Amino acid sequence: MSAVRRKPSANRRRNGRGPKPRNGPLELWRAVPQLPDAAPVVPVPDPTALLRSLGDPPLPGQGAVGGHVLTAVVERAAGLATALAATADLLAEPPAD
């Protein structure tokens, strides 16, 4: 029985050494451009609307339970996002209906 030969890895040279070293040091602490001002965050009245539009998750025998868990996660994430926006003073006033 003959042994199967593997192809050499693309990251390795034929002589067994690793990848070619970089020329010069990396500049890890270089200046970055100023970010634009953040837009105000408007909380949505129903953060689970998109999730509900997809229906129950395709989990055999546990679709309803999975749907409840995903709904809880989305509601929690929306609440945390709203709280974070409020602490950063980015919370927009809700539109008047």
PDB file of N, CA and C in Angstrom:
ATOM      1  N   MET A   1       0.832  -1.162   0.000  1.00  0.00           N
ATOM      2  CA  MET A   1       0.000   0.000   0.000  1.00  0.00           C
ATOM      3  C   MET A   1       0.891   1.244   0.000  1.00  0.00           C
ATOM      4  N   SER A   2       0.609   2.179  -0.900  1.00  0.00           N
ATOM      5  CA  SER A   2       1.443   3.373  -0.994  1.00  0.00           C
ATOM      6  C   SER A   2       0.900   4.482  -0.098  1.00  0.00           C
ATOM      7  N   ALA A   3       1.783   5.301   0.400  1.00  0.00           N
ATOM      8  CA  ALA A   3       1.386   6.408   1.260  1.00  0.00           C
ATOM      9  C   ALA A   3       0.870   7.558   0.406  1.00  0.00           C
ATOM     10  N   VAL A   4      -0.141   8.237   0.917  1.00  0.00           N
ATOM     11  CA  VAL A   4      -0.704   9.374   0.207  1.00  0.00           C
ATOM     12  C   VAL A   4       0.123  10.606   0.548  1.00  0.00           C
ATOM     13  N   ARG A   5       0.552  11.317  -0.483  1.00  0.00           N
ATOM     14  CA  ARG A   5       1.345  12.514  -0.269  1.00  0.00           C
ATOM     15  C   ARG A   5       0.450  13.725  -0.196  1.00  0.00           C
ATOM     16  N   ARG A   6       0.632  14.527   0.811  1.00  0.00           N
ATOM     17  CA  ARG A   6      -0.147  15.752   0.950  1.00  0.00           C
ATOM     18  C   ARG A   6       0.546  16.893   0.231  1.00  0.00           C
ATOM     19  N   LYS A   7      -0.279  17.830  -0.227  1.00  0.00           N
ATOM     20  CA  LYS A   7       0.276  19.030  -0.851  1.00  0.00           C
ATOM     21  C   LYS A   7       0.823  19.928   0.238  1.00  0.00           C
ATOM     22  N   PRO A   8       1.913  20.639  -0.052  1.00  0.00           N
ATOM     23  CA  PRO A   8       2.433  21.557   0.970  1.00  0.00           C
ATOM     24  C   PRO A   8       1.454  22.706   1.194  1.00  0.00           C
ATOM     25  N   SER A   9       1.405  23.178   2.405  1.00  0.00           N
ATOM     26  CA  SER A   9       0.526  24.275   2.771  1.00  0.00           C
ATOM     27  C   SER A   9       0.919  25.527   2.006  1.00  0.00           C
ATOM     28  N   ALA A  10      -0.078  26.355   1.687  1.00  0.00           N
ATOM     29  CA  ALA A  10       0.193  27.584   0.946  1.00  0.00           C
ATOM     30  C   ALA A  10       1.019  28.562   1.771  1.00  0.00           C
ATOM     31  N   ASN A  11       0.966  28.454   3.092  1.00  0.00           N
ATOM     32  CA  ASN A  11       1.703  29.371   3.957  1.00  0.00           C
ATOM     33  C   ASN A  11       3.140  28.942   4.219  1.00  0.00           C
ATOM     34  N   ARG A  12       3.498  27.783   3.766  1.00  0.00           N
ATOM     35  CA  ARG A  12       4.850  27.274   4.019  1.00  0.00           C
ATOM     36  C   ARG A  12       5.643  27.216   2.730  1.00  0.00           C
ATOM     37  N   ARG A  13       6.891  27.495   2.834  1.00  0.00           N
ATOM     38  CA  ARG A  13       7.770  27.356   1.681  1.00  0.00           C
ATOM     39  C   ARG A  13       8.200  25.904   1.569  1.00  0.00           C
ATOM     40  N   ARG A  14       8.758  25.577   0.433  1.00  0.00           N
ATOM     41  CA  ARG A  14       9.182  24.197   0.207  1.00  0.00           C
ATOM     42  C   ARG A  14      10.311  23.777   1.137  1.00  0.00           C
ATOM     43  N   ASN A  15      11.114  24.694   1.597  1.00  0.00           N
ATOM     44  CA  ASN A  15      12.239  24.320   2.436  1.00  0.00           C
ATOM     45  C   ASN A  15      11.844  24.186   3.911  1.00  0.00           C
ATOM     46  N   GLY A  16      10.562  24.336   4.239  1.00  0.00           N
ATOM     47  CA  GLY A  16      10.101  24.101   5.590  1.00  0.00           C
ATOM     48  C   GLY A  16      10.050  25.330   6.474  1.00  0.00           C
ATOM     49  N   ARG A  17      10.573  26.446   6.020  1.00  0.00           N
ATOM     50  CA  ARG A  17      10.518  27.654   6.838  1.00  0.00           C
ATOM     51  C   ARG A  17       9.132  28.279   6.752  1.00  0.00           C
ATOM     52  N   GLY A  18       8.817  29.113   7.701  1.00  0.00           N
ATOM     53  CA  GLY A  18       7.518  29.775   7.749  1.00  0.00           C
ATOM     54  C   GLY A  18       7.397  30.862   6.694  1.00  0.00           C
ATOM     55  N   PRO A  19       6.358  31.687   6.820  1.00  0.00           N
ATOM     56  CA  PRO A  19       6.162  32.761   5.853  1.00  0.00           C
ATOM     57  C   PRO A  19       7.276  33.795   5.921  1.00  0.00           C
ATOM     58  N   LYS A  20       7.449  34.515   4.828  1.00  0.00           N
ATOM     59  CA  LYS A  20       8.499  35.519   4.727  1.00  0.00           C
ATOM     60  C   LYS A  20       8.265  36.619   5.756  1.00  0.00           C
ATOM     61  N   PRO A  21       9.301  37.024   6.501  1.00  0.00           N
ATOM     62  CA  PRO A  21       9.119  38.093   7.499  1.00  0.00           C
ATOM     63  C   PRO A  21       8.824  39.425   6.820  1.00  0.00           C
ATOM     64  N   ARG A  22       8.103  40.285   7.525  1.00  0.00           N
ATOM     65  CA  ARG A  22       7.744  41.610   7.001  1.00  0.00           C
ATOM     66  C   ARG A  22       8.970  42.518   6.997  1.00  0.00           C
ATOM     67  N   ASN A  23       8.936  43.474   6.102  1.00  0.00           N
ATOM     68  CA  ASN A  23      10.001  44.474   6.055  1.00  0.00           C
ATOM     69  C   ASN A  23       9.633  45.629   6.967  1.00  0.00           C
ATOM     70  N   GLY A  24      10.327  45.801   8.045  1.00  0.00           N
ATOM     71  CA  GLY A  24      10.101  46.914   8.956  1.00  0.00           C
ATOM     72  C   GLY A  24       8.997  46.618   9.964  1.00  0.00           C
ATOM     73  N   PRO A  25       8.943  47.450  11.016  1.00  0.00           N
ATOM     74  CA  PRO A  25       7.938  47.235  12.066  1.00  0.00           C
ATOM     75  C   PRO A  25       6.558  47.745  11.644  1.00  0.00           C
ATOM     76  N   LEU A  26       5.536  47.187  12.240  1.00  0.00           N
ATOM     77  CA  LEU A  26       4.176  47.664  12.028  1.00  0.00           C
ATOM     78  C   LEU A  26       3.923  48.886  12.893  1.00  0.00           C
ATOM     79  N   GLU A  27       3.133  49.799  12.398  1.00  0.00           N
ATOM     80  CA  GLU A  27       2.775  50.978  13.179  1.00  0.00           C
ATOM     81  C   GLU A  27       1.435  50.731  13.854  1.00  0.00           C
ATOM     82  N   LEU A  28       1.475  50.169  15.059  1.00  0.00           N
ATOM     83  CA  LEU A  28       0.242  49.855  15.769  1.00  0.00           C
ATOM     84  C   LEU A  28      -0.409  51.075  16.384  1.00  0.00           C
ATOM     85  N   TRP A  29       0.352  52.079  16.715  1.00  0.00           N
ATOM     86  CA  TRP A  29      -0.194  53.234  17.429  1.00  0.00           C
ATOM     87  C   TRP A  29      -0.235  54.468  16.534  1.00  0.00           C
ATOM     88  N   ARG A  30      -0.565  54.262  15.286  1.00  0.00           N
ATOM     89  CA  ARG A  30      -0.647  55.398  14.367  1.00  0.00           C
ATOM     90  C   ARG A  30      -1.936  56.184  14.605  1.00  0.00           C
ATOM     91  N   ALA A  31      -1.941  57.425  14.190  1.00  0.00           N
ATOM     92  CA  ALA A  31      -3.121  58.281  14.355  1.00  0.00           C
ATOM     93  C   ALA A  31      -4.226  57.826  13.405  1.00  0.00           C
ATOM     94  N   VAL A  32      -5.445  57.876  13.875  1.00  0.00           N
ATOM     95  CA  VAL A  32      -6.587  57.496  13.042  1.00  0.00           C
ATOM     96  C   VAL A  32      -7.435  58.743  12.792  1.00  0.00           C
ATOM     97  N   PRO A  33      -8.172  58.766  11.686  1.00  0.00           N
ATOM     98  CA  PRO A  33      -9.007  59.937  11.417  1.00  0.00           C
ATOM     99  C   PRO A  33     -10.152  60.046  12.422  1.00  0.00           C
ATOM    100  N   GLN A  34     -10.617  61.269  12.628  1.00  0.00           N
ATOM    101  CA  GLN A  34     -11.710  61.525  13.561  1.00  0.00           C
ATOM    102  C   GLN A  34     -12.997  60.887  13.048  1.00  0.00           C
ATOM    103  N   LEU A  35     -13.721  60.205  13.912  1.00  0.00           N
ATOM    104  CA  LEU A  35     -14.988  59.596  13.538  1.00  0.00           C
ATOM    105  C   LEU A  35     -16.075  60.665  13.452  1.00  0.00           C
ATOM    106  N   PRO A  36     -17.066  60.463  12.570  1.00  0.00           N
ATOM    107  CA  PRO A  36     -18.167  61.434  12.512  1.00  0.00           C
ATOM    108  C   PRO A  36     -19.027  61.327  13.772  1.00  0.00           C
ATOM    109  N   ASP A  37     -19.780  62.385  14.040  1.00  0.00           N
ATOM    110  CA  ASP A  37     -20.673  62.371  15.200  1.00  0.00           C
ATOM    111  C   ASP A  37     -21.718  61.272  15.027  1.00  0.00           C
ATOM    112  N   ALA A  38     -22.079  60.648  16.130  1.00  0.00           N
ATOM    113  CA  ALA A  38     -23.052  59.558  16.087  1.00  0.00           C
ATOM    114  C   ALA A  38     -24.452  60.111  15.878  1.00  0.00           C
ATOM    115  N   ALA A  39     -25.236  59.362  15.133  1.00  0.00           N
ATOM    116  CA  ALA A  39     -26.621  59.758  14.890  1.00  0.00           C
ATOM    117  C   ALA A  39     -27.457  59.420  16.115  1.00  0.00           C
ATOM    118  N   PRO A  40     -28.517  60.165  16.378  1.00  0.00           N
ATOM    119  CA  PRO A  40     -29.383  59.847  17.514  1.00  0.00           C
ATOM    120  C   PRO A  40     -30.051  58.478  17.335  1.00  0.00           C
ATOM    121  N   VAL A  41     -30.249  57.786  18.435  1.00  0.00           N
ATOM    122  CA  VAL A  41     -30.862  56.461  18.425  1.00  0.00           C
ATOM    123  C   VAL A  41     -32.336  56.604  18.797  1.00  0.00           C
ATOM    124  N   VAL A  42     -33.182  56.072  17.928  1.00  0.00           N
ATOM    125  CA  VAL A  42     -34.622  56.117  18.176  1.00  0.00           C
ATOM    126  C   VAL A  42     -35.075  54.704  18.535  1.00  0.00           C
ATOM    127  N   PRO A  43     -35.524  54.466  19.757  1.00  0.00           N
ATOM    128  CA  PRO A  43     -35.994  53.129  20.124  1.00  0.00           C
ATOM    129  C   PRO A  43     -37.258  52.770  19.340  1.00  0.00           C
ATOM    130  N   VAL A  44     -37.336  51.529  18.919  1.00  0.00           N
ATOM    131  CA  VAL A  44     -38.520  51.075  18.180  1.00  0.00           C
ATOM    132  C   VAL A  44     -39.577  50.597  19.172  1.00  0.00           C
ATOM    133  N   PRO A  45     -40.857  50.746  18.832  1.00  0.00           N
ATOM    134  CA  PRO A  45     -41.895  50.304  19.761  1.00  0.00           C
ATOM    135  C   PRO A  45     -41.967  48.781  19.907  1.00  0.00           C
ATOM    136  N   ASP A  46     -41.625  48.039  18.836  1.00  0.00           N
ATOM    137  CA  ASP A  46     -41.692  46.577  18.898  1.00  0.00           C
ATOM    138  C   ASP A  46     -40.427  45.993  18.283  1.00  0.00           C
ATOM    139  N   PRO A  47     -39.404  45.717  19.086  1.00  0.00           N
ATOM    140  CA  PRO A  47     -38.145  45.215  18.531  1.00  0.00           C
ATOM    141  C   PRO A  47     -38.232  43.796  17.979  1.00  0.00           C
ATOM    142  N   THR A  48     -39.309  43.077  18.263  1.00  0.00           N
ATOM    143  CA  THR A  48     -39.403  41.693  17.807  1.00  0.00           C
ATOM    144  C   THR A  48     -40.234  41.542  16.533  1.00  0.00           C
ATOM    145  N   ALA A  49     -40.609  42.627  15.889  1.00  0.00           N
ATOM    146  CA  ALA A  49     -41.482  42.544  14.711  1.00  0.00           C
ATOM    147  C   ALA A  49     -40.841  41.726  13.588  1.00  0.00           C
ATOM    148  N   LEU A  50     -39.585  41.977  13.290  1.00  0.00           N
ATOM    149  CA  LEU A  50     -38.919  41.221  12.226  1.00  0.00           C
ATOM    150  C   LEU A  50     -38.814  39.751  12.595  1.00  0.00           C
ATOM    151  N   LEU A  51     -38.473  39.474  13.830  1.00  0.00           N
ATOM    152  CA  LEU A  51     -38.342  38.091  14.279  1.00  0.00           C
ATOM    153  C   LEU A  51     -39.676  37.344  14.165  1.00  0.00           C
ATOM    154  N   ARG A  52     -40.765  38.000  14.576  1.00  0.00           N
ATOM    155  CA  ARG A  52     -42.073  37.364  14.486  1.00  0.00           C
ATOM    156  C   ARG A  52     -42.507  37.148  13.036  1.00  0.00           C
ATOM    157  N   SER A  53     -42.066  38.043  12.137  1.00  0.00           N
ATOM    158  CA  SER A  53     -42.450  37.890  10.737  1.00  0.00           C
ATOM    159  C   SER A  53     -41.827  36.649  10.107  1.00  0.00           C
ATOM    160  N   LEU A  54     -40.761  36.152  10.685  1.00  0.00           N
ATOM    161  CA  LEU A  54     -40.117  34.943  10.175  1.00  0.00           C
ATOM    162  C   LEU A  54     -40.789  33.668  10.663  1.00  0.00           C
ATOM    163  N   GLY A  55     -41.629  33.759  11.668  1.00  0.00           N
ATOM    164  CA  GLY A  55     -42.307  32.589  12.209  1.00  0.00           C
ATOM    165  C   GLY A  55     -41.454  31.873  13.240  1.00  0.00           C
ATOM    166  N   ASP A  56     -41.973  30.727  13.706  1.00  0.00           N
ATOM    167  CA  ASP A  56     -41.226  29.940  14.687  1.00  0.00           C
ATOM    168  C   ASP A  56     -39.969  29.363  14.052  1.00  0.00           C
ATOM    169  N   PRO A  57     -38.892  29.233  14.831  1.00  0.00           N
ATOM    170  CA  PRO A  57     -37.664  28.643  14.287  1.00  0.00           C
ATOM    171  C   PRO A  57     -37.891  27.185  13.904  1.00  0.00           C
ATOM    172  N   PRO A  58     -37.176  26.701  12.903  1.00  0.00           N
ATOM    173  CA  PRO A  58     -37.357  25.310  12.455  1.00  0.00           C
ATOM    174  C   PRO A  58     -36.661  24.309  13.372  1.00  0.00           C
ATOM    175  N   LEU A  59     -37.135  24.218  14.594  1.00  0.00           N
ATOM    176  CA  LEU A  59     -36.606  23.251  15.548  1.00  0.00           C
ATOM    177  C   LEU A  59     -37.683  22.198  15.774  1.00  0.00           C
ATOM    178  N   PRO A  60     -37.466  20.987  15.334  1.00  0.00           N
ATOM    179  CA  PRO A  60     -38.499  19.957  15.457  1.00  0.00           C
ATOM    180  C   PRO A  60     -38.954  19.760  16.900  1.00  0.00           C
ATOM    181  N   GLY A  61     -40.231  20.014  17.141  1.00  0.00           N
ATOM    182  CA  GLY A  61     -40.807  19.808  18.459  1.00  0.00           C
ATOM    183  C   GLY A  61     -40.535  20.916  19.456  1.00  0.00           C
ATOM    184  N   GLN A  62     -39.683  21.879  19.115  1.00  0.00           N
ATOM    185  CA  GLN A  62     -39.340  22.930  20.062  1.00  0.00           C
ATOM    186  C   GLN A  62     -39.371  24.311  19.415  1.00  0.00           C
ATOM    187  N   GLY A  63     -40.103  24.471  18.314  1.00  0.00           N
ATOM    188  CA  GLY A  63     -40.148  25.741  17.608  1.00  0.00           C
ATOM    189  C   GLY A  63     -40.726  26.855  18.449  1.00  0.00           C
ATOM    190  N   ALA A  64     -41.802  26.582  19.187  1.00  0.00           N
ATOM    191  CA  ALA A  64     -42.433  27.621  20.008  1.00  0.00           C
ATOM    192  C   ALA A  64     -41.513  28.048  21.146  1.00  0.00           C
ATOM    193  N   VAL A  65     -40.852  27.077  21.776  1.00  0.00           N
ATOM    194  CA  VAL A  65     -39.934  27.399  22.877  1.00  0.00           C
ATOM    195  C   VAL A  65     -38.745  28.198  22.341  1.00  0.00           C
ATOM    196  N   GLY A  66     -38.222  27.782  21.194  1.00  0.00           N
ATOM    197  CA  GLY A  66     -37.113  28.513  20.578  1.00  0.00           C
ATOM    198  C   GLY A  66     -37.518  29.929  20.216  1.00  0.00           C
ATOM    199  N   GLY A  67     -38.747  30.093  19.749  1.00  0.00           N
ATOM    200  CA  GLY A  67     -39.249  31.421  19.420  1.00  0.00           C
ATOM    201  C   GLY A  67     -39.316  32.319  20.642  1.00  0.00           C
ATOM    202  N   HIS A  68     -39.751  31.757  21.774  1.00  0.00           N
ATOM    203  CA  HIS A  68     -39.815  32.538  23.017  1.00  0.00           C
ATOM    204  C   HIS A  68     -38.417  32.951  23.479  1.00  0.00           C
ATOM    205  N   VAL A  69     -37.463  32.054  23.339  1.00  0.00           N
ATOM    206  CA  VAL A  69     -36.092  32.354  23.762  1.00  0.00           C
ATOM    207  C   VAL A  69     -35.499  33.447  22.872  1.00  0.00           C
ATOM    208  N   LEU A  70     -35.677  33.319  21.549  1.00  0.00           N
ATOM    209  CA  LEU A  70     -35.160  34.338  20.640  1.00  0.00           C
ATOM    210  C   LEU A  70     -35.828  35.684  20.884  1.00  0.00           C
ATOM    211  N   THR A  71     -37.117  35.677  21.176  1.00  0.00           N
ATOM    212  CA  THR A  71     -37.826  36.919  21.482  1.00  0.00           C
ATOM    213  C   THR A  71     -37.243  37.568  22.730  1.00  0.00           C
ATOM    214  N   ALA A  72     -36.967  36.772  23.748  1.00  0.00           N
ATOM    215  CA  ALA A  72     -36.380  37.312  24.978  1.00  0.00           C
ATOM    216  C   ALA A  72     -35.010  37.920  24.718  1.00  0.00           C
ATOM    217  N   VAL A  73     -34.210  37.269  23.871  1.00  0.00           N
ATOM    218  CA  VAL A  73     -32.872  37.778  23.562  1.00  0.00           C
ATOM    219  C   VAL A  73     -32.963  39.101  22.808  1.00  0.00           C
ATOM    220  N   VAL A  74     -33.870  39.182  21.829  1.00  0.00           N
ATOM    221  CA  VAL A  74     -34.019  40.413  21.048  1.00  0.00           C
ATOM    222  C   VAL A  74     -34.524  41.551  21.923  1.00  0.00           C
ATOM    223  N   GLU A  75     -35.493  41.273  22.787  1.00  0.00           N
ATOM    224  CA  GLU A  75     -35.999  42.325  23.677  1.00  0.00           C
ATOM    225  C   GLU A  75     -34.920  42.806  24.639  1.00  0.00           C
ATOM    226  N   ARG A  76     -34.116  41.895  25.148  1.00  0.00           N
ATOM    227  CA  ARG A  76     -33.035  42.268  26.058  1.00  0.00           C
ATOM    228  C   ARG A  76     -31.982  43.110  25.331  1.00  0.00           C
ATOM    229  N   ALA A  77     -31.629  42.703  24.108  1.00  0.00           N
ATOM    230  CA  ALA A  77     -30.640  43.457  23.335  1.00  0.00           C
ATOM    231  C   ALA A  77     -31.149  44.855  23.012  1.00  0.00           C
ATOM    232  N   ALA A  78     -32.422  44.979  22.672  1.00  0.00           N
ATOM    233  CA  ALA A  78     -32.995  46.291  22.379  1.00  0.00           C
ATOM    234  C   ALA A  78     -33.003  47.166  23.630  1.00  0.00           C
ATOM    235  N   GLY A  79     -33.310  46.577  24.770  1.00  0.00           N
ATOM    236  CA  GLY A  79     -33.293  47.331  26.018  1.00  0.00           C
ATOM    237  C   GLY A  79     -31.902  47.805  26.379  1.00  0.00           C
ATOM    238  N   LEU A  80     -30.905  46.954  26.192  1.00  0.00           N
ATOM    239  CA  LEU A  80     -29.530  47.334  26.479  1.00  0.00           C
ATOM    240  C   LEU A  80     -29.036  48.410  25.513  1.00  0.00           C
ATOM    241  N   ALA A  81     -29.425  48.304  24.241  1.00  0.00           N
ATOM    242  CA  ALA A  81     -29.031  49.320  23.260  1.00  0.00           C
ATOM    243  C   ALA A  81     -29.641  50.670  23.610  1.00  0.00           C
ATOM    244  N   THR A  82     -30.891  50.662  24.056  1.00  0.00           N
ATOM    245  CA  THR A  82     -31.549  51.903  24.449  1.00  0.00           C
ATOM    246  C   THR A  82     -30.873  52.503  25.684  1.00  0.00           C
ATOM    247  N   ALA A  83     -30.543  51.662  26.645  1.00  0.00           N
ATOM    248  CA  ALA A  83     -29.869  52.148  27.852  1.00  0.00           C
ATOM    249  C   ALA A  83     -28.483  52.704  27.526  1.00  0.00           C
ATOM    250  N   LEU A  84     -27.767  52.042  26.644  1.00  0.00           N
ATOM    251  CA  LEU A  84     -26.442  52.513  26.250  1.00  0.00           C
ATOM    252  C   LEU A  84     -26.540  53.853  25.529  1.00  0.00           C
ATOM    253  N   ALA A  85     -27.527  53.983  24.656  1.00  0.00           N
ATOM    254  CA  ALA A  85     -27.727  55.256  23.956  1.00  0.00           C
ATOM    255  C   ALA A  85     -28.086  56.363  24.943  1.00  0.00           C
ATOM    256  N   ALA A  86     -28.865  56.030  25.956  1.00  0.00           N
ATOM    257  CA  ALA A  86     -29.247  57.037  26.957  1.00  0.00           C
ATOM    258  C   ALA A  86     -28.040  57.483  27.776  1.00  0.00           C
ATOM    259  N   THR A  87     -27.159  56.559  28.131  1.00  0.00           N
ATOM    260  CA  THR A  87     -25.980  56.931  28.911  1.00  0.00           C
ATOM    261  C   THR A  87     -25.009  57.764  28.097  1.00  0.00           C
ATOM    262  N   ALA A  88     -25.002  57.576  26.779  1.00  0.00           N
ATOM    263  CA  ALA A  88     -24.120  58.357  25.910  1.00  0.00           C
ATOM    264  C   ALA A  88     -24.788  59.639  25.435  1.00  0.00           C
ATOM    265  N   ASP A  89     -25.971  59.922  25.948  1.00  0.00           N
ATOM    266  CA  ASP A  89     -26.753  61.102  25.570  1.00  0.00           C
ATOM    267  C   ASP A  89     -27.032  61.129  24.068  1.00  0.00           C
ATOM    268  N   LEU A  90     -27.343  59.953  23.511  1.00  0.00           N
ATOM    269  CA  LEU A  90     -27.653  59.823  22.087  1.00  0.00           C
ATOM    270  C   LEU A  90     -29.101  59.408  21.852  1.00  0.00           C
ATOM    271  N   LEU A  91     -29.884  59.352  22.900  1.00  0.00           N
ATOM    272  CA  LEU A  91     -31.262  58.900  22.766  1.00  0.00           C
ATOM    273  C   LEU A  91     -32.103  60.024  22.162  1.00  0.00           C
ATOM    274  N   ALA A  92     -32.733  59.731  21.028  1.00  0.00           N
ATOM    275  CA  ALA A  92     -33.569  60.724  20.355  1.00  0.00           C
ATOM    276  C   ALA A  92     -34.956  60.725  20.981  1.00  0.00           C
ATOM    277  N   GLU A  93     -35.612  61.829  20.835  1.00  0.00           N
ATOM    278  CA  GLU A  93     -36.981  61.923  21.328  1.00  0.00           C
ATOM    279  C   GLU A  93     -37.870  61.076  20.431  1.00  0.00           C
ATOM    280  N   PRO A  94     -38.795  60.310  21.006  1.00  0.00           N
ATOM    281  CA  PRO A  94     -39.693  59.515  20.164  1.00  0.00           C
ATOM    282  C   PRO A  94     -40.591  60.440  19.346  1.00  0.00           C
ATOM    283  N   PRO A  95     -40.912  60.018  18.115  1.00  0.00           N
ATOM    284  CA  PRO A  95     -41.765  60.867  17.285  1.00  0.00           C
ATOM    285  C   PRO A  95     -43.167  60.985  17.863  1.00  0.00           C
ATOM    286  N   ALA A  96     -43.741  62.157  17.771  1.00  0.00           N
ATOM    287  CA  ALA A  96     -45.110  62.386  18.268  1.00  0.00           C
ATOM    288  C   ALA A  96     -46.100  61.856  17.249  1.00  0.00           C
ATOM    289  N   ASP A  97     -47.027  61.047  17.703  1.00  0.00           N
ATOM    290  CA  ASP A  97     -48.017  60.475  16.780  1.00  0.00           C
ATOM    291  C   ASP A  97     -49.257  61.297  16.723  1.00  0.00           C
TER     292      ASP A  97
END
